[in-house]
Every structure is written in C-alpha cells, then in structure tokens.
N, C-alpha and C. Protein backbone atom coordinates (compact mmCIF):
# COMPACT_ATOMS: atom_id res chain seq x y z
N UNK A 1 47.44 17.26 -18.91
CA UNK A 1 46.05 16.95 -18.90
C UNK A 1 45.69 16.24 -20.21
N UNK A 2 44.83 15.23 -20.09
CA UNK A 2 44.43 14.45 -21.26
C UNK A 2 43.46 15.25 -22.12
N UNK A 3 43.50 14.97 -23.40
CA UNK A 3 42.60 15.61 -24.35
C UNK A 3 41.45 14.65 -24.63
N UNK A 4 40.25 15.20 -24.83
CA UNK A 4 39.07 14.37 -25.06
C UNK A 4 39.23 13.57 -26.35
N UNK A 5 38.87 12.27 -26.26
CA UNK A 5 38.81 11.42 -27.44
C UNK A 5 37.75 10.35 -27.19
N UNK A 6 37.28 9.75 -28.27
CA UNK A 6 36.28 8.69 -28.13
C UNK A 6 36.85 7.51 -27.34
N UNK A 7 38.12 7.21 -27.57
CA UNK A 7 38.78 6.11 -26.87
C UNK A 7 38.80 6.37 -25.36
N UNK A 8 39.16 7.59 -24.98
CA UNK A 8 39.19 7.97 -23.57
C UNK A 8 37.78 7.90 -22.98
N UNK A 9 36.78 8.38 -23.71
CA UNK A 9 35.39 8.35 -23.24
C UNK A 9 34.95 6.91 -23.00
N UNK A 10 35.31 5.99 -23.91
CA UNK A 10 34.94 4.58 -23.75
C UNK A 10 35.57 3.98 -22.50
N UNK A 11 36.84 4.32 -22.25
CA UNK A 11 37.53 3.80 -21.06
C UNK A 11 36.88 4.32 -19.78
N UNK A 12 36.53 5.60 -19.79
CA UNK A 12 35.85 6.18 -18.61
C UNK A 12 34.51 5.47 -18.39
N UNK A 13 33.76 5.27 -19.45
CA UNK A 13 32.45 4.62 -19.34
C UNK A 13 32.57 3.18 -18.85
N UNK A 14 33.62 2.47 -19.30
CA UNK A 14 33.84 1.10 -18.83
C UNK A 14 34.04 1.07 -17.32
N UNK A 15 34.85 2.00 -16.81
CA UNK A 15 35.10 2.04 -15.37
C UNK A 15 33.84 2.44 -14.60
N UNK A 16 33.05 3.34 -15.15
CA UNK A 16 31.80 3.73 -14.49
C UNK A 16 30.84 2.55 -14.45
N UNK A 17 30.77 1.80 -15.55
CA UNK A 17 29.88 0.64 -15.62
C UNK A 17 30.29 -0.43 -14.60
N UNK A 18 31.59 -0.58 -14.38
CA UNK A 18 32.04 -1.55 -13.39
C UNK A 18 31.56 -1.18 -11.99
N UNK A 19 31.33 0.10 -11.75
CA UNK A 19 30.76 0.53 -10.47
C UNK A 19 31.73 0.57 -9.32
N UNK A 20 33.01 0.42 -9.59
CA UNK A 20 33.99 0.37 -8.51
C UNK A 20 34.77 1.67 -8.37
N UNK A 21 34.57 2.62 -9.29
CA UNK A 21 35.41 3.81 -9.34
C UNK A 21 34.55 5.06 -9.19
N UNK A 22 35.01 5.99 -8.36
CA UNK A 22 34.32 7.27 -8.21
C UNK A 22 34.80 8.22 -9.30
N UNK A 23 34.10 9.33 -9.44
CA UNK A 23 34.48 10.33 -10.44
C UNK A 23 35.88 10.88 -10.12
N UNK A 24 36.15 11.13 -8.84
CA UNK A 24 37.48 11.63 -8.46
C UNK A 24 38.57 10.64 -8.83
N UNK A 25 38.33 9.36 -8.58
CA UNK A 25 39.32 8.34 -8.93
C UNK A 25 39.51 8.26 -10.45
N UNK A 26 38.42 8.37 -11.20
CA UNK A 26 38.52 8.39 -12.67
C UNK A 26 39.40 9.55 -13.14
N UNK A 27 39.15 10.70 -12.56
CA UNK A 27 39.93 11.89 -12.95
C UNK A 27 41.41 11.70 -12.64
N UNK A 28 41.73 11.09 -11.50
CA UNK A 28 43.13 10.82 -11.17
C UNK A 28 43.74 9.81 -12.13
N UNK A 29 42.98 8.77 -12.46
CA UNK A 29 43.50 7.74 -13.37
C UNK A 29 43.85 8.33 -14.74
N UNK A 30 42.95 9.16 -15.27
CA UNK A 30 43.13 9.70 -16.62
C UNK A 30 43.77 11.10 -16.64
N UNK A 31 44.17 11.55 -15.46
CA UNK A 31 44.87 12.83 -15.31
C UNK A 31 44.08 14.00 -15.91
N UNK A 32 42.83 14.07 -15.48
CA UNK A 32 41.98 15.22 -15.85
C UNK A 32 41.38 15.77 -14.56
N UNK A 33 40.97 17.02 -14.60
CA UNK A 33 40.35 17.60 -13.42
C UNK A 33 38.86 17.24 -13.42
N UNK A 34 38.26 17.36 -12.25
CA UNK A 34 36.81 17.12 -12.15
C UNK A 34 36.07 18.15 -13.01
N UNK A 35 36.55 19.38 -13.00
CA UNK A 35 35.91 20.42 -13.83
C UNK A 35 35.95 20.03 -15.30
N UNK A 36 37.07 19.47 -15.74
CA UNK A 36 37.20 19.04 -17.13
C UNK A 36 36.20 17.92 -17.43
N UNK A 37 36.10 16.95 -16.50
CA UNK A 37 35.14 15.85 -16.68
C UNK A 37 33.73 16.40 -16.87
N UNK A 38 33.31 17.30 -15.96
CA UNK A 38 31.94 17.84 -16.02
C UNK A 38 31.76 18.78 -17.22
N UNK A 39 32.83 19.44 -17.63
CA UNK A 39 32.76 20.27 -18.84
C UNK A 39 32.51 19.39 -20.07
N UNK A 40 33.25 18.28 -20.17
CA UNK A 40 33.03 17.35 -21.29
C UNK A 40 31.59 16.82 -21.25
N UNK A 41 31.15 16.51 -20.05
CA UNK A 41 29.78 15.98 -19.91
C UNK A 41 28.75 17.00 -20.37
N UNK A 42 28.99 18.26 -20.08
CA UNK A 42 28.03 19.31 -20.46
C UNK A 42 28.10 19.64 -21.96
N UNK A 43 29.30 19.63 -22.51
CA UNK A 43 29.48 20.10 -23.89
C UNK A 43 29.45 19.00 -24.94
N UNK A 44 29.80 17.78 -24.58
CA UNK A 44 29.90 16.69 -25.56
C UNK A 44 28.69 15.77 -25.41
N UNK A 45 27.78 15.89 -26.35
CA UNK A 45 26.53 15.12 -26.30
C UNK A 45 26.81 13.62 -26.29
N UNK A 46 27.73 13.14 -27.14
CA UNK A 46 28.01 11.70 -27.22
C UNK A 46 28.61 11.20 -25.91
N UNK A 47 29.43 12.03 -25.24
CA UNK A 47 30.01 11.65 -23.95
C UNK A 47 28.92 11.56 -22.89
N UNK A 48 28.05 12.56 -22.87
CA UNK A 48 26.94 12.60 -21.91
C UNK A 48 26.04 11.36 -22.08
N UNK A 49 25.70 11.03 -23.34
CA UNK A 49 24.84 9.87 -23.60
C UNK A 49 25.54 8.56 -23.23
N UNK A 50 26.83 8.46 -23.53
CA UNK A 50 27.59 7.25 -23.18
C UNK A 50 27.67 7.09 -21.66
N UNK A 51 27.87 8.20 -20.95
CA UNK A 51 27.89 8.14 -19.48
C UNK A 51 26.54 7.67 -18.94
N UNK A 52 25.47 8.22 -19.50
CA UNK A 52 24.12 7.85 -19.04
C UNK A 52 23.88 6.36 -19.25
N UNK A 53 24.25 5.84 -20.40
CA UNK A 53 24.08 4.41 -20.68
C UNK A 53 24.93 3.57 -19.73
N UNK A 54 26.15 4.01 -19.47
CA UNK A 54 27.03 3.28 -18.54
C UNK A 54 26.44 3.25 -17.14
N UNK A 55 25.89 4.37 -16.70
CA UNK A 55 25.26 4.44 -15.38
C UNK A 55 24.03 3.51 -15.34
N UNK A 56 23.24 3.50 -16.41
CA UNK A 56 22.06 2.63 -16.45
C UNK A 56 22.47 1.16 -16.39
N UNK A 57 23.51 0.78 -17.14
CA UNK A 57 23.98 -0.61 -17.11
C UNK A 57 24.52 -0.96 -15.73
N UNK A 58 25.26 -0.03 -15.13
CA UNK A 58 25.78 -0.27 -13.78
C UNK A 58 24.63 -0.46 -12.79
N UNK A 59 23.63 0.39 -12.86
CA UNK A 59 22.50 0.28 -11.95
C UNK A 59 21.74 -1.03 -12.14
N UNK A 60 21.60 -1.45 -13.39
CA UNK A 60 20.94 -2.73 -13.68
C UNK A 60 21.72 -3.89 -13.08
N UNK A 61 23.06 -3.86 -13.22
CA UNK A 61 23.90 -4.91 -12.63
C UNK A 61 23.75 -4.93 -11.11
N UNK A 62 23.77 -3.74 -10.50
CA UNK A 62 23.63 -3.66 -9.04
C UNK A 62 22.27 -4.16 -8.59
N UNK A 63 21.23 -3.81 -9.36
CA UNK A 63 19.88 -4.27 -9.03
C UNK A 63 19.81 -5.80 -9.09
N UNK A 64 20.38 -6.39 -10.15
CA UNK A 64 20.37 -7.85 -10.28
C UNK A 64 21.16 -8.50 -9.15
N UNK A 65 22.30 -7.92 -8.81
CA UNK A 65 23.11 -8.45 -7.73
C UNK A 65 22.35 -8.38 -6.40
N UNK A 66 21.73 -7.25 -6.14
CA UNK A 66 20.95 -7.10 -4.92
C UNK A 66 19.80 -8.09 -4.84
N UNK A 67 19.10 -8.27 -5.97
CA UNK A 67 17.98 -9.21 -6.00
C UNK A 67 18.47 -10.63 -5.75
N UNK A 68 19.61 -10.99 -6.34
CA UNK A 68 20.18 -12.33 -6.14
C UNK A 68 20.58 -12.53 -4.68
N UNK A 69 21.17 -11.50 -4.07
CA UNK A 69 21.56 -11.61 -2.67
C UNK A 69 20.34 -11.79 -1.77
N UNK A 70 19.30 -11.05 -2.04
CA UNK A 70 18.07 -11.18 -1.24
C UNK A 70 17.48 -12.58 -1.43
N UNK A 71 17.45 -13.05 -2.69
CA UNK A 71 16.92 -14.39 -2.96
C UNK A 71 17.70 -15.46 -2.19
N UNK A 72 19.03 -15.34 -2.21
CA UNK A 72 19.86 -16.32 -1.48
C UNK A 72 19.59 -16.26 0.02
N UNK A 73 19.42 -15.05 0.54
CA UNK A 73 19.19 -14.92 1.97
C UNK A 73 17.82 -15.45 2.36
N UNK A 74 16.85 -15.35 1.44
CA UNK A 74 15.51 -15.85 1.74
C UNK A 74 15.43 -17.38 1.62
N UNK A 75 16.11 -17.94 0.62
CA UNK A 75 16.06 -19.39 0.40
C UNK A 75 17.03 -20.16 1.27
N UNK A 76 18.09 -19.51 1.68
CA UNK A 76 19.17 -20.23 2.33
C UNK A 76 20.16 -20.66 1.25
N UNK A 77 21.39 -20.91 1.63
CA UNK A 77 22.40 -21.28 0.65
C UNK A 77 23.53 -22.04 1.34
N UNK A 78 24.43 -22.58 0.52
CA UNK A 78 25.54 -23.36 1.02
C UNK A 78 26.85 -22.73 0.54
N UNK A 79 27.82 -22.65 1.43
CA UNK A 79 29.16 -22.20 1.04
C UNK A 79 30.15 -23.35 1.22
N UNK A 80 31.14 -23.39 0.35
CA UNK A 80 32.17 -24.43 0.41
C UNK A 80 33.51 -23.73 0.58
N UNK A 81 34.26 -24.16 1.58
CA UNK A 81 35.59 -23.61 1.83
C UNK A 81 36.61 -24.73 1.68
N UNK A 82 37.65 -24.47 0.93
CA UNK A 82 38.71 -25.47 0.74
C UNK A 82 40.00 -24.90 1.32
N UNK A 83 40.57 -25.62 2.30
CA UNK A 83 41.85 -25.23 2.89
C UNK A 83 42.88 -26.27 2.46
N UNK A 84 43.93 -25.78 1.84
CA UNK A 84 44.97 -26.67 1.33
C UNK A 84 46.28 -26.37 2.06
N UNK A 85 46.92 -27.43 2.53
CA UNK A 85 48.21 -27.29 3.21
C UNK A 85 49.29 -27.87 2.29
N UNK A 86 50.32 -27.07 2.02
CA UNK A 86 51.44 -27.49 1.16
C UNK A 86 52.68 -27.73 2.00
N UNK A 87 53.47 -28.69 1.60
CA UNK A 87 54.76 -28.98 2.24
C UNK A 87 55.81 -29.18 1.14
N UNK A 88 57.08 -29.00 1.48
CA UNK A 88 58.12 -29.25 0.46
C UNK A 88 58.16 -30.72 0.06
N UNK A 89 58.39 -30.97 -1.20
CA UNK A 89 58.46 -32.33 -1.72
C UNK A 89 59.68 -33.04 -1.17
N UNK A 90 59.52 -34.35 -0.85
CA UNK A 90 60.65 -35.14 -0.34
C UNK A 90 61.62 -35.45 -1.46
N UNK A 91 61.10 -35.55 -2.67
CA UNK A 91 61.95 -35.86 -3.81
C UNK A 91 62.62 -34.59 -4.33
N UNK A 92 61.80 -33.56 -4.57
CA UNK A 92 62.30 -32.28 -5.06
C UNK A 92 62.08 -31.25 -3.96
N UNK A 93 63.06 -30.94 -3.20
CA UNK A 93 62.95 -30.06 -2.05
C UNK A 93 62.41 -28.68 -2.34
N UNK A 94 62.62 -28.18 -3.54
CA UNK A 94 62.15 -26.85 -3.89
C UNK A 94 60.66 -26.84 -4.26
N UNK A 95 60.18 -27.95 -4.72
CA UNK A 95 58.79 -28.04 -5.18
C UNK A 95 57.86 -28.28 -3.99
N UNK A 96 56.68 -27.61 -4.01
CA UNK A 96 55.68 -27.78 -2.94
C UNK A 96 54.62 -28.77 -3.42
N UNK A 97 54.22 -29.65 -2.50
CA UNK A 97 53.16 -30.62 -2.82
C UNK A 97 52.07 -30.51 -1.77
N UNK A 98 50.89 -30.98 -2.13
CA UNK A 98 49.74 -30.91 -1.22
C UNK A 98 49.90 -31.97 -0.14
N UNK A 99 49.86 -31.52 1.12
CA UNK A 99 49.92 -32.46 2.23
C UNK A 99 48.51 -32.90 2.59
N UNK A 100 47.61 -31.92 2.75
CA UNK A 100 46.22 -32.28 3.00
C UNK A 100 45.31 -31.17 2.50
N UNK A 101 44.09 -31.57 2.25
CA UNK A 101 43.09 -30.63 1.75
C UNK A 101 41.81 -30.86 2.56
N UNK A 102 41.32 -29.80 3.18
CA UNK A 102 40.10 -29.90 4.00
C UNK A 102 38.99 -29.11 3.32
N UNK A 103 37.91 -29.82 3.02
CA UNK A 103 36.75 -29.18 2.38
C UNK A 103 35.66 -29.06 3.44
N UNK A 104 35.20 -27.82 3.63
CA UNK A 104 34.15 -27.57 4.62
C UNK A 104 32.94 -27.00 3.91
N UNK A 105 31.80 -27.64 4.14
CA UNK A 105 30.54 -27.12 3.59
C UNK A 105 29.72 -26.57 4.74
N UNK A 106 29.13 -25.42 4.50
CA UNK A 106 28.32 -24.80 5.55
C UNK A 106 26.98 -24.40 4.96
N UNK A 107 25.93 -24.84 5.61
CA UNK A 107 24.57 -24.49 5.21
C UNK A 107 24.17 -23.19 5.92
N UNK A 108 23.64 -22.27 5.16
CA UNK A 108 23.15 -21.01 5.74
C UNK A 108 21.63 -21.04 5.63
N UNK A 109 20.98 -20.99 6.76
CA UNK A 109 19.51 -21.06 6.79
C UNK A 109 18.91 -19.75 6.29
N UNK A 110 17.63 -19.79 6.04
CA UNK A 110 16.90 -18.59 5.61
C UNK A 110 17.11 -17.49 6.65
N UNK A 111 17.29 -16.29 6.19
CA UNK A 111 17.50 -15.15 7.07
C UNK A 111 16.17 -14.50 7.38
N UNK A 112 15.69 -14.69 8.60
CA UNK A 112 14.37 -14.17 8.98
C UNK A 112 14.34 -12.65 8.98
N UNK A 113 15.45 -12.01 9.30
CA UNK A 113 15.44 -10.54 9.33
C UNK A 113 15.24 -9.96 7.94
N UNK A 114 15.81 -10.60 6.90
CA UNK A 114 15.60 -10.14 5.53
C UNK A 114 14.14 -10.29 5.14
N UNK A 115 13.56 -11.44 5.47
CA UNK A 115 12.15 -11.67 5.18
C UNK A 115 11.29 -10.64 5.89
N UNK A 116 11.63 -10.35 7.13
CA UNK A 116 10.87 -9.36 7.90
C UNK A 116 10.93 -7.99 7.25
N UNK A 117 12.11 -7.58 6.78
CA UNK A 117 12.26 -6.28 6.13
C UNK A 117 11.41 -6.21 4.86
N UNK A 118 11.45 -7.28 4.06
CA UNK A 118 10.69 -7.30 2.80
C UNK A 118 9.19 -7.26 3.09
N UNK A 119 8.74 -8.06 4.04
CA UNK A 119 7.30 -8.06 4.38
C UNK A 119 6.86 -6.72 4.94
N UNK A 120 7.69 -6.10 5.76
CA UNK A 120 7.36 -4.79 6.32
C UNK A 120 7.25 -3.75 5.21
N UNK A 121 8.20 -3.78 4.27
CA UNK A 121 8.18 -2.84 3.14
C UNK A 121 6.92 -3.05 2.30
N UNK A 122 6.59 -4.30 2.04
CA UNK A 122 5.40 -4.62 1.26
C UNK A 122 4.14 -4.13 1.97
N UNK A 123 4.09 -4.34 3.29
CA UNK A 123 2.94 -3.89 4.08
C UNK A 123 2.83 -2.36 4.04
N UNK A 124 3.96 -1.66 4.17
CA UNK A 124 3.94 -0.20 4.14
C UNK A 124 3.47 0.32 2.78
N UNK A 125 3.91 -0.33 1.69
CA UNK A 125 3.48 0.08 0.35
C UNK A 125 1.98 -0.14 0.17
N UNK A 126 1.47 -1.26 0.67
CA UNK A 126 0.04 -1.54 0.58
C UNK A 126 -0.75 -0.52 1.38
N UNK A 127 -0.29 -0.22 2.58
CA UNK A 127 -0.96 0.78 3.42
C UNK A 127 -0.99 2.14 2.72
N UNK A 128 0.12 2.52 2.10
CA UNK A 128 0.20 3.80 1.40
C UNK A 128 -0.79 3.83 0.24
N UNK A 129 -0.85 2.74 -0.53
CA UNK A 129 -1.79 2.68 -1.65
C UNK A 129 -3.23 2.80 -1.15
N UNK A 130 -3.54 2.15 -0.03
CA UNK A 130 -4.89 2.23 0.51
C UNK A 130 -5.22 3.64 0.98
N UNK A 131 -4.23 4.32 1.57
CA UNK A 131 -4.48 5.69 2.03
C UNK A 131 -4.69 6.64 0.86
N UNK A 132 -4.05 6.34 -0.28
CA UNK A 132 -4.16 7.22 -1.44
C UNK A 132 -5.44 7.00 -2.24
N UNK A 133 -6.15 5.89 -1.97
CA UNK A 133 -7.41 5.66 -2.68
C UNK A 133 -8.42 6.72 -2.27
N UNK A 134 -9.25 7.16 -3.20
CA UNK A 134 -10.26 8.14 -2.82
C UNK A 134 -11.25 7.50 -1.85
N UNK A 135 -11.58 8.25 -0.82
CA UNK A 135 -12.50 7.74 0.18
C UNK A 135 -13.93 7.81 -0.35
N UNK A 136 -14.68 6.75 -0.11
CA UNK A 136 -16.07 6.75 -0.55
C UNK A 136 -16.90 7.65 0.35
N UNK A 137 -17.67 8.50 -0.27
CA UNK A 137 -18.54 9.41 0.46
C UNK A 137 -19.95 8.85 0.43
N UNK A 138 -20.70 9.01 1.52
CA UNK A 138 -22.08 8.52 1.50
C UNK A 138 -22.90 9.34 0.51
N UNK A 139 -23.84 8.66 -0.15
CA UNK A 139 -24.71 9.34 -1.09
C UNK A 139 -25.89 9.93 -0.31
N UNK A 140 -26.18 11.18 -0.58
CA UNK A 140 -27.30 11.85 0.08
C UNK A 140 -28.43 11.97 -0.92
N UNK A 141 -29.58 11.44 -0.52
CA UNK A 141 -30.76 11.47 -1.38
C UNK A 141 -31.85 12.25 -0.66
N UNK A 142 -32.39 13.24 -1.35
CA UNK A 142 -33.49 14.02 -0.78
C UNK A 142 -34.80 13.34 -1.19
N UNK A 143 -35.61 13.02 -0.20
CA UNK A 143 -36.87 12.30 -0.44
C UNK A 143 -38.03 13.29 -0.41
N UNK A 144 -38.94 13.16 -1.42
CA UNK A 144 -40.03 14.12 -1.51
C UNK A 144 -41.28 13.72 -0.75
N UNK A 145 -41.48 12.44 -0.49
CA UNK A 145 -42.67 12.05 0.26
C UNK A 145 -42.38 10.85 1.17
N UNK A 146 -43.30 10.57 2.06
CA UNK A 146 -43.12 9.51 3.05
C UNK A 146 -43.05 8.13 2.40
N UNK A 147 -43.83 7.90 1.37
CA UNK A 147 -43.83 6.59 0.73
C UNK A 147 -42.47 6.29 0.10
N UNK A 148 -41.87 7.28 -0.55
CA UNK A 148 -40.53 7.10 -1.13
C UNK A 148 -39.51 6.83 -0.03
N UNK A 149 -39.68 7.54 1.09
CA UNK A 149 -38.78 7.34 2.23
C UNK A 149 -38.85 5.90 2.70
N UNK A 150 -40.07 5.35 2.82
CA UNK A 150 -40.23 3.96 3.26
C UNK A 150 -39.59 2.99 2.25
N UNK A 151 -39.71 3.30 0.95
CA UNK A 151 -39.11 2.44 -0.07
C UNK A 151 -37.58 2.44 0.04
N UNK A 152 -36.98 3.61 0.28
CA UNK A 152 -35.53 3.67 0.46
C UNK A 152 -35.10 2.90 1.70
N UNK A 153 -35.86 3.01 2.77
CA UNK A 153 -35.53 2.27 3.99
C UNK A 153 -35.58 0.77 3.75
N UNK A 154 -36.55 0.32 2.95
CA UNK A 154 -36.63 -1.10 2.60
C UNK A 154 -35.37 -1.53 1.83
N UNK A 155 -34.93 -0.68 0.89
CA UNK A 155 -33.72 -0.99 0.12
C UNK A 155 -32.50 -1.10 1.03
N UNK A 156 -32.42 -0.18 2.03
CA UNK A 156 -31.29 -0.23 2.95
C UNK A 156 -31.28 -1.52 3.75
N UNK A 157 -32.45 -2.00 4.11
CA UNK A 157 -32.54 -3.24 4.87
C UNK A 157 -32.38 -4.46 3.97
N UNK A 158 -32.34 -4.26 2.67
CA UNK A 158 -32.18 -5.36 1.74
C UNK A 158 -33.49 -6.00 1.32
N UNK A 159 -34.61 -5.38 1.65
CA UNK A 159 -35.91 -5.89 1.25
C UNK A 159 -36.23 -5.39 -0.15
N UNK A 160 -36.83 -6.23 -0.95
CA UNK A 160 -37.19 -5.83 -2.31
C UNK A 160 -38.62 -6.26 -2.60
N UNK A 161 -39.36 -5.35 -3.16
CA UNK A 161 -40.70 -5.69 -3.63
C UNK A 161 -40.59 -6.10 -5.08
N UNK A 162 -41.49 -6.94 -5.50
CA UNK A 162 -41.55 -7.28 -6.91
C UNK A 162 -42.06 -6.08 -7.68
N UNK A 163 -41.58 -5.88 -8.88
CA UNK A 163 -42.02 -4.75 -9.69
C UNK A 163 -43.37 -5.11 -10.33
N UNK A 164 -44.38 -4.57 -9.74
CA UNK A 164 -45.72 -4.78 -10.29
C UNK A 164 -45.99 -3.68 -11.31
N UNK A 165 -46.95 -3.90 -12.20
CA UNK A 165 -47.30 -2.84 -13.16
C UNK A 165 -47.70 -1.54 -12.47
N UNK A 166 -48.35 -1.66 -11.31
CA UNK A 166 -48.76 -0.45 -10.57
C UNK A 166 -47.53 0.30 -10.07
N UNK A 167 -46.53 -0.44 -9.56
CA UNK A 167 -45.32 0.21 -9.05
C UNK A 167 -44.55 0.89 -10.18
N UNK A 168 -44.53 0.24 -11.33
CA UNK A 168 -43.83 0.82 -12.49
C UNK A 168 -44.53 2.10 -12.93
N UNK A 169 -45.88 2.05 -12.98
CA UNK A 169 -46.66 3.23 -13.38
C UNK A 169 -46.45 4.37 -12.39
N UNK A 170 -46.42 4.02 -11.09
CA UNK A 170 -46.23 5.05 -10.06
C UNK A 170 -44.84 5.68 -10.20
N UNK A 171 -43.81 4.88 -10.45
CA UNK A 171 -42.45 5.40 -10.61
C UNK A 171 -42.39 6.33 -11.81
N UNK A 172 -43.10 5.96 -12.91
CA UNK A 172 -43.12 6.80 -14.10
C UNK A 172 -43.78 8.14 -13.80
N UNK A 173 -44.88 8.12 -13.03
CA UNK A 173 -45.58 9.37 -12.69
C UNK A 173 -44.71 10.25 -11.80
N UNK A 174 -44.03 9.64 -10.83
CA UNK A 174 -43.15 10.42 -9.92
C UNK A 174 -42.02 11.05 -10.72
N UNK A 175 -41.46 10.29 -11.66
CA UNK A 175 -40.37 10.80 -12.49
C UNK A 175 -40.85 11.97 -13.35
N UNK A 176 -42.04 11.84 -13.95
CA UNK A 176 -42.59 12.93 -14.78
C UNK A 176 -42.86 14.17 -13.94
N UNK A 177 -43.41 13.97 -12.74
CA UNK A 177 -43.71 15.10 -11.85
C UNK A 177 -42.42 15.81 -11.45
N UNK A 178 -41.41 15.03 -11.15
CA UNK A 178 -40.13 15.61 -10.76
C UNK A 178 -39.53 16.40 -11.93
N UNK A 179 -39.57 15.84 -13.13
CA UNK A 179 -39.05 16.52 -14.31
C UNK A 179 -39.81 17.82 -14.56
N UNK A 180 -41.16 17.79 -14.38
CA UNK A 180 -41.98 18.98 -14.59
C UNK A 180 -41.62 20.05 -13.57
N UNK A 181 -41.41 19.66 -12.32
CA UNK A 181 -41.06 20.64 -11.28
C UNK A 181 -39.68 21.25 -11.54
N UNK A 182 -38.78 20.46 -12.04
CA UNK A 182 -37.42 20.95 -12.29
C UNK A 182 -37.35 21.88 -13.50
N UNK A 183 -38.21 21.68 -14.48
CA UNK A 183 -38.13 22.49 -15.70
C UNK A 183 -39.16 23.62 -15.74
N UNK A 184 -40.09 23.65 -14.79
CA UNK A 184 -41.12 24.70 -14.80
C UNK A 184 -40.50 26.04 -14.46
N UNK A 185 -40.92 27.10 -15.18
CA UNK A 185 -40.38 28.43 -14.85
C UNK A 185 -40.88 28.89 -13.49
N UNK A 186 -40.09 29.65 -12.78
CA UNK A 186 -40.54 30.12 -11.46
C UNK A 186 -41.73 31.05 -11.60
N UNK A 187 -42.64 31.00 -10.61
CA UNK A 187 -43.82 31.86 -10.64
C UNK A 187 -43.57 33.06 -9.74
N UNK A 188 -43.91 34.25 -10.30
CA UNK A 188 -43.76 35.46 -9.52
C UNK A 188 -45.14 36.07 -9.33
N UNK A 189 -45.36 36.62 -8.22
CA UNK A 189 -46.66 37.25 -7.93
C UNK A 189 -46.64 38.71 -8.33
N UNK A 190 -47.74 39.17 -8.85
CA UNK A 190 -47.86 40.59 -9.22
C UNK A 190 -48.28 41.42 -8.00
N UNK A 191 -48.75 40.73 -6.99
CA UNK A 191 -49.23 41.49 -5.83
C UNK A 191 -48.07 42.10 -5.07
N UNK A 192 -48.32 43.32 -4.64
CA UNK A 192 -47.33 43.98 -3.83
C UNK A 192 -47.75 43.93 -2.39
N UNK A 193 -46.78 43.80 -1.55
CA UNK A 193 -47.11 43.71 -0.13
C UNK A 193 -46.98 45.06 0.52
C-alpha cells in the first residue's frame, strides 16, 4: 500500500481534474484502498482542499465543454473527414505512399430539439419565479360616510376632481375627526342596568 505524500496527492488531484477516472480506478492505480483514500481526505486538510479545488476545476471544464456543445448544436457546425488510402511504393516496395485522399465536409444544421429543451427550461424557470412572487392582495378600505364612498368609487373609475380649497379643507377636517376618534378614551356609563 502506498504511503501518503504531497507528490502522490498531486497525482491523484491531476487525475480527478481530468475527469476521466473514478475513485475506485484511482485507488487501483495508486494501490491504495478506498478506505485509505477517504481516511486521507478526512484527516489531511491539505489533501481535502486540493481535492476540492481539483473537483471545482473539473466541474468548470465540464461546464465550459457542455456550454460549447450546446452553442455548436444551436448555431450549426461543420465537420471535416479526411480518408487517406496508402499503397506500397513502386520504387521502394517497403515504403507506403498516398494513393488518394478524400476530404469530406459535412454541414450540421441547427438542432431544433436542443433549442426546444433550452426554451422549455427557460419557460419553466420563469413560471417558477412567477409562482414564487408574493401575490397581491386587494386593499380593504373602511368608509365612514357616503360622500367618501362616492369619492373612492370615482377613483376606481379613474375620475379625478380638481383639488379645490374647499376639498382640501374638508379632507383636513375628516382627518382631524378620525384622529380624534382614534385617540379619544372610551366612555363608560355609570348607570347600572
């Protein structure tokens, strides 16, 4: 079984960053047990941090690769294939020379299914955000007299009166009366029934 060293930790992290090797394969390559790997991860802070950084770099590479693949599928792309046929040389029988070379270019159109998946995901995210928004509740206003009620109804219909000095004075009096009613101490009767 291998003994822990910084050099070994760096090699393990390199393979993890490449993203092609599982933990079991790493353990087989370096002749350590999975328990030993996880023990090092738990006990060795520098190993744990190096592993975390390697995983982050691997994930970033995979994310970039995935984004590039989606971009290519959305834009369309071209592939070039070269087929080369070799034959033995007439002058030097052992040496191979190119007989013919066929270059094939293929255009790949935009992939509608990829676009559909992306648009569907975007639509679902937008719908979720809208569902999570707080719902607006109607405002309930208690009206104390008929004239105020008529004024509110005018506002609902979008009608507006000009603010005349009389209307301003009336609003001030209503506000003062309301404040007086709200702050006045309750009256109790001394009479017994």
